[in-house]
Amino acid sequence: MSITLTLILVVMTSLISYQAFGNELMKQKLIFYPVSIKERGELYRFITHGFIHGDLMHLIVNMYVLYVFGDHIEYIFTSEQELIFHSGATIKGFGPVKGRIIFLILYLGAIIISSIPQYFRHQDNGFYRALGASGGTSAIVFAYILFDPWAWFKFPPLPAILLGVGYLLYSSYMDKRGGDNIGHNAHFWGSVYGFVFTIAMAAIFQPDMLQMFIDHFLAGPRAPNNF
């Protein structure tokens, strides 16, 4: 198994989260707490909350998503060779150095950006706190959707792009509804950031990649047995 940024992020997040499970002081120091950010200038909380989780299941789900989809996206981003996609299109990634930098900005940037709306909403709410890497993992999944929008997920059995739209609608609805102690707003904005950021990087550094996004979308659905 090669050492990738994805693997490093998974191991680092798992170790920090596990340590914070039994250390409430550490957890409260790293958690996203808008009041402390506003009153004490603790801007680091915008990113540190993405390395701690509420419980073991919360951690496992986020790290599974990060490992599966992150490994795929990192491979594409860092490739120097022509990659062949199901459509027959061949493109290169951003290269090993630039690709890793872009991958890190995609993931870590999503954790930060997805928290900004919650900061403005709760900056005077002393009861509000948030934690978890869901904003970052949502961004990674939506970057994946760009590369293969009509790929069929095995569960639920839907094309990726339809599942993505449904996820955004669900996140928006549940954020407005509230009451389940889940950061749906962070999921929504992390997803949007991942989509927009990946398109922007392709437009700036690899226009052929951007054209492939368009071609894959316009190609429409393919048979569900072509996973």
Protein backbone atom coordinates (compact mmCIF):
# COMPACT_ATOMS: atom_id res chain seq x y z
CA MET A 1 0.00 0.00 0.00
CA SER A 2 1.49 3.33 -1.07
CA ILE A 3 1.50 6.30 1.29
CA THR A 4 -0.94 8.83 -0.12
CA LEU A 5 -2.25 12.13 1.21
CA THR A 6 -5.62 10.43 1.57
CA LEU A 7 -4.15 7.74 3.80
CA ILE A 8 -2.24 10.32 5.85
CA LEU A 9 -5.43 12.34 6.38
CA VAL A 10 -7.38 9.22 7.37
CA VAL A 11 -4.73 8.11 9.88
CA MET A 12 -4.20 11.60 11.30
CA THR A 13 -7.94 12.25 11.70
CA SER A 14 -8.50 8.83 13.24
CA LEU A 15 -5.72 9.27 15.79
CA ILE A 16 -6.77 12.79 16.80
CA SER A 17 -10.44 11.80 16.97
CA TYR A 18 -9.68 8.71 19.04
CA GLN A 19 -7.60 10.72 21.47
CA ALA A 20 -10.35 13.34 21.77
CA PHE A 21 -12.96 10.66 22.57
CA GLY A 22 -11.42 10.33 26.01
CA ASN A 23 -10.22 13.88 26.46
CA GLU A 24 -13.06 16.37 26.80
CA LEU A 25 -10.68 19.31 27.27
CA MET A 26 -8.96 18.54 23.98
CA LYS A 27 -12.30 18.10 22.25
CA GLN A 28 -13.59 21.46 23.46
CA LYS A 29 -10.34 23.15 22.44
CA LEU A 30 -10.60 21.87 18.85
CA ILE A 31 -14.37 21.93 18.29
CA PHE A 32 -16.07 24.50 16.05
CA TYR A 33 -17.39 27.10 18.49
CA PRO A 34 -18.40 30.35 16.73
CA VAL A 35 -18.60 32.36 19.96
CA SER A 36 -14.92 31.65 20.73
CA ILE A 37 -13.96 32.51 17.17
CA LYS A 38 -15.76 35.84 17.38
CA GLU A 39 -14.76 36.83 20.91
CA ARG A 40 -11.24 35.34 21.12
CA GLY A 41 -10.20 35.23 17.48
CA GLU A 42 -9.67 31.45 17.57
CA LEU A 43 -9.74 31.06 13.80
CA TYR A 44 -7.98 27.70 13.98
CA ARG A 45 -11.32 26.16 14.96
CA PHE A 46 -12.50 26.54 11.36
CA ILE A 47 -10.20 23.64 10.46
CA THR A 48 -9.44 21.71 13.67
CA HIS A 49 -13.06 20.65 14.11
CA GLY A 50 -12.65 18.53 10.97
CA PHE A 51 -10.17 16.29 12.79
CA ILE A 52 -12.46 15.31 15.68
CA HIS A 53 -15.73 13.37 15.70
CA GLY A 54 -18.69 12.82 17.95
CA ASP A 55 -18.35 9.04 18.25
CA LEU A 56 -16.74 6.01 16.63
CA MET A 57 -19.48 5.49 14.03
CA HIS A 58 -19.29 9.15 12.99
CA LEU A 59 -15.53 8.73 12.50
CA ILE A 60 -15.80 5.42 10.64
CA VAL A 61 -18.36 6.72 8.13
CA ASN A 62 -16.38 9.88 7.34
CA MET A 63 -13.05 8.07 7.05
CA TYR A 64 -14.52 5.35 4.85
CA VAL A 65 -15.90 7.96 2.45
CA LEU A 66 -12.62 9.89 2.51
CA TYR A 67 -10.54 6.78 1.85
CA VAL A 68 -12.68 5.37 -0.97
CA PHE A 69 -13.40 8.58 -2.87
CA GLY A 70 -10.31 10.54 -1.80
CA ASP A 71 -7.94 7.85 -3.03
CA HIS A 72 -9.66 7.93 -6.43
CA ILE A 73 -9.60 11.73 -6.73
CA GLU A 74 -6.01 12.02 -5.51
CA TYR A 75 -4.92 9.46 -8.12
CA ILE A 76 -6.54 11.47 -10.92
CA PHE A 77 -5.27 14.82 -9.65
CA THR A 78 -1.65 13.66 -9.31
CA SER A 79 -1.39 11.62 -12.50
CA GLU A 80 1.27 12.54 -15.06
CA GLN A 81 0.11 9.81 -17.43
CA GLU A 82 -2.90 9.85 -19.72
CA LEU A 83 -5.85 8.32 -17.89
CA ILE A 84 -8.53 6.52 -19.91
CA PHE A 85 -12.12 7.00 -18.76
CA HIS A 86 -15.15 4.84 -19.58
CA SER A 87 -16.16 7.26 -22.34
CA GLY A 88 -12.83 6.72 -24.06
CA ALA A 89 -11.62 10.21 -23.12
CA THR A 90 -7.98 10.48 -22.09
CA ILE A 91 -6.68 13.26 -19.86
CA LYS A 92 -3.75 13.97 -17.59
CA GLY A 93 -4.07 15.12 -14.02
CA PHE A 94 -2.40 18.19 -12.54
CA GLY A 95 0.88 16.39 -11.83
CA PRO A 96 2.30 14.97 -8.57
CA VAL A 97 3.13 18.27 -6.84
CA LYS A 98 0.36 20.55 -8.07
CA GLY A 99 -2.15 17.71 -7.85
CA ARG A 100 -1.41 17.08 -4.18
CA ILE A 101 -1.63 20.79 -3.37
CA ILE A 102 -4.98 21.05 -5.16
CA PHE A 103 -6.23 17.91 -3.40
CA LEU A 104 -5.32 19.33 0.02
CA ILE A 105 -6.97 22.66 -0.76
CA LEU A 106 -10.06 20.79 -1.96
CA TYR A 107 -10.39 18.80 1.27
CA LEU A 108 -9.17 21.24 3.91
CA GLY A 109 -10.70 24.22 2.14
CA ALA A 110 -14.09 22.49 2.19
CA ILE A 111 -13.89 21.99 5.96
CA ILE A 112 -13.28 25.72 6.35
CA ILE A 113 -15.70 27.04 3.72
CA SER A 114 -18.56 24.77 4.79
CA SER A 115 -18.31 26.21 8.32
CA ILE A 116 -18.53 29.89 7.37
CA PRO A 117 -22.35 30.02 6.99
CA GLN A 118 -22.70 28.37 10.40
CA TYR A 119 -20.31 30.89 11.90
CA PHE A 120 -22.45 33.83 10.83
CA ARG A 121 -25.62 32.04 11.87
CA HIS A 122 -24.37 31.06 15.34
CA GLN A 123 -21.68 33.60 16.24
CA ASP A 124 -23.75 34.77 19.20
CA ASN A 125 -25.14 31.35 20.15
CA GLY A 126 -23.24 30.06 23.17
CA PHE A 127 -24.90 26.65 22.89
CA TYR A 128 -23.84 25.86 19.33
CA ARG A 129 -20.85 23.62 18.59
CA ALA A 130 -19.97 21.42 15.63
CA LEU A 131 -17.37 18.82 14.72
CA GLY A 132 -16.52 16.30 12.03
CA ALA A 133 -15.00 16.08 8.56
CA SER A 134 -18.31 15.84 6.67
CA GLY A 135 -17.81 19.14 4.85
CA GLY A 136 -14.51 17.87 3.47
CA THR A 137 -15.76 14.40 2.57
CA SER A 138 -18.81 15.88 0.84
CA ALA A 139 -16.47 17.98 -1.33
CA ILE A 140 -14.47 14.89 -2.28
CA VAL A 141 -17.61 12.98 -3.28
CA PHE A 142 -18.84 15.85 -5.47
CA ALA A 143 -15.43 16.09 -7.16
CA TYR A 144 -15.85 12.39 -7.97
CA ILE A 145 -19.30 13.04 -9.45
CA LEU A 146 -17.77 15.52 -11.89
CA PHE A 147 -15.47 12.86 -13.32
CA ASP A 148 -18.20 10.25 -13.72
CA PRO A 149 -21.64 11.84 -13.31
CA TRP A 150 -23.57 8.85 -14.66
CA ALA A 151 -21.73 6.14 -12.74
CA TRP A 152 -24.21 3.96 -10.86
CA PHE A 153 -23.83 3.72 -7.12
CA LYS A 154 -24.55 0.21 -5.85
CA PHE A 155 -26.38 1.62 -2.84
CA PRO A 156 -28.61 3.37 -3.38
CA PRO A 157 -28.82 2.21 -7.02
CA LEU A 158 -28.82 5.63 -8.68
CA PRO A 159 -26.54 7.51 -11.08
CA ALA A 160 -24.02 9.62 -9.18
CA ILE A 161 -25.35 12.96 -10.42
CA LEU A 162 -28.93 12.16 -9.37
CA LEU A 163 -27.73 10.98 -6.00
CA GLY A 164 -25.75 14.23 -5.69
CA VAL A 165 -28.77 16.41 -6.48
CA GLY A 166 -30.86 14.41 -4.03
CA TYR A 167 -28.18 14.82 -1.37
CA LEU A 168 -28.19 18.60 -1.84
CA LEU A 169 -31.98 18.80 -1.66
CA TYR A 170 -32.06 16.58 1.41
CA SER A 171 -29.30 18.57 3.14
CA SER A 172 -31.07 21.85 2.43
CA TYR A 173 -34.42 20.52 3.65
CA MET A 174 -33.00 18.97 6.83
CA ASP A 175 -31.01 22.11 7.62
CA LYS A 176 -34.22 24.16 7.52
CA ARG A 177 -36.11 21.54 9.48
CA GLY A 178 -33.39 21.06 12.13
CA GLY A 179 -33.74 19.01 15.28
CA ASP A 180 -31.43 16.07 14.50
CA ASN A 181 -28.07 17.51 15.65
CA ILE A 182 -26.43 16.89 12.24
CA GLY A 183 -24.57 19.59 10.31
CA HIS A 184 -26.63 19.43 7.11
CA ASN A 185 -25.64 22.99 6.22
CA ALA A 186 -21.96 21.99 6.26
CA HIS A 187 -22.76 18.98 4.06
CA PHE A 188 -24.53 21.25 1.56
CA TRP A 189 -21.83 23.91 1.31
CA GLY A 190 -18.99 21.37 1.36
CA SER A 191 -20.61 19.67 -1.64
CA VAL A 192 -21.08 22.94 -3.52
CA TYR A 193 -17.49 23.97 -2.78
CA GLY A 194 -16.13 20.63 -4.01
CA PHE A 195 -18.05 20.97 -7.26
CA VAL A 196 -17.14 24.61 -7.93
CA PHE A 197 -13.51 24.32 -6.80
CA THR A 198 -12.79 21.28 -8.99
CA ILE A 199 -14.34 22.99 -12.03
CA ALA A 200 -12.26 26.12 -11.34
CA MET A 201 -9.00 24.17 -11.03
CA ALA A 202 -9.72 22.30 -14.26
CA ALA A 203 -10.53 25.55 -16.08
CA ILE A 204 -7.31 27.19 -14.88
CA PHE A 205 -4.81 24.35 -15.11
CA GLN A 206 -6.28 21.62 -17.33
CA PRO A 207 -8.92 22.81 -19.83
CA ASP A 208 -9.14 19.33 -21.37
CA MET A 209 -10.39 18.07 -18.00
CA LEU A 210 -13.10 20.73 -17.98
CA GLN A 211 -14.19 19.72 -21.47
CA MET A 212 -14.37 16.11 -20.31
CA PHE A 213 -16.72 17.11 -17.47
CA ILE A 214 -19.03 18.69 -20.03
CA ASP A 215 -18.82 15.74 -22.43
CA HIS A 216 -19.51 13.20 -19.69
CA PHE A 217 -22.53 15.14 -18.49
CA LEU A 218 -23.97 15.54 -22.00
CA ALA A 219 -23.42 11.83 -22.73
CA GLY A 220 -26.34 10.98 -20.45
CA PRO A 221 -27.02 7.82 -18.45
CA ARG A 222 -25.44 4.49 -19.28
CA ALA A 223 -26.66 0.98 -18.46
CA PRO A 224 -26.71 0.26 -14.73
CA ASN A 225 -24.55 -2.85 -15.11
CA ASN A 226 -21.57 -0.73 -16.26
CA PHE A 227 -20.16 0.07 -12.80
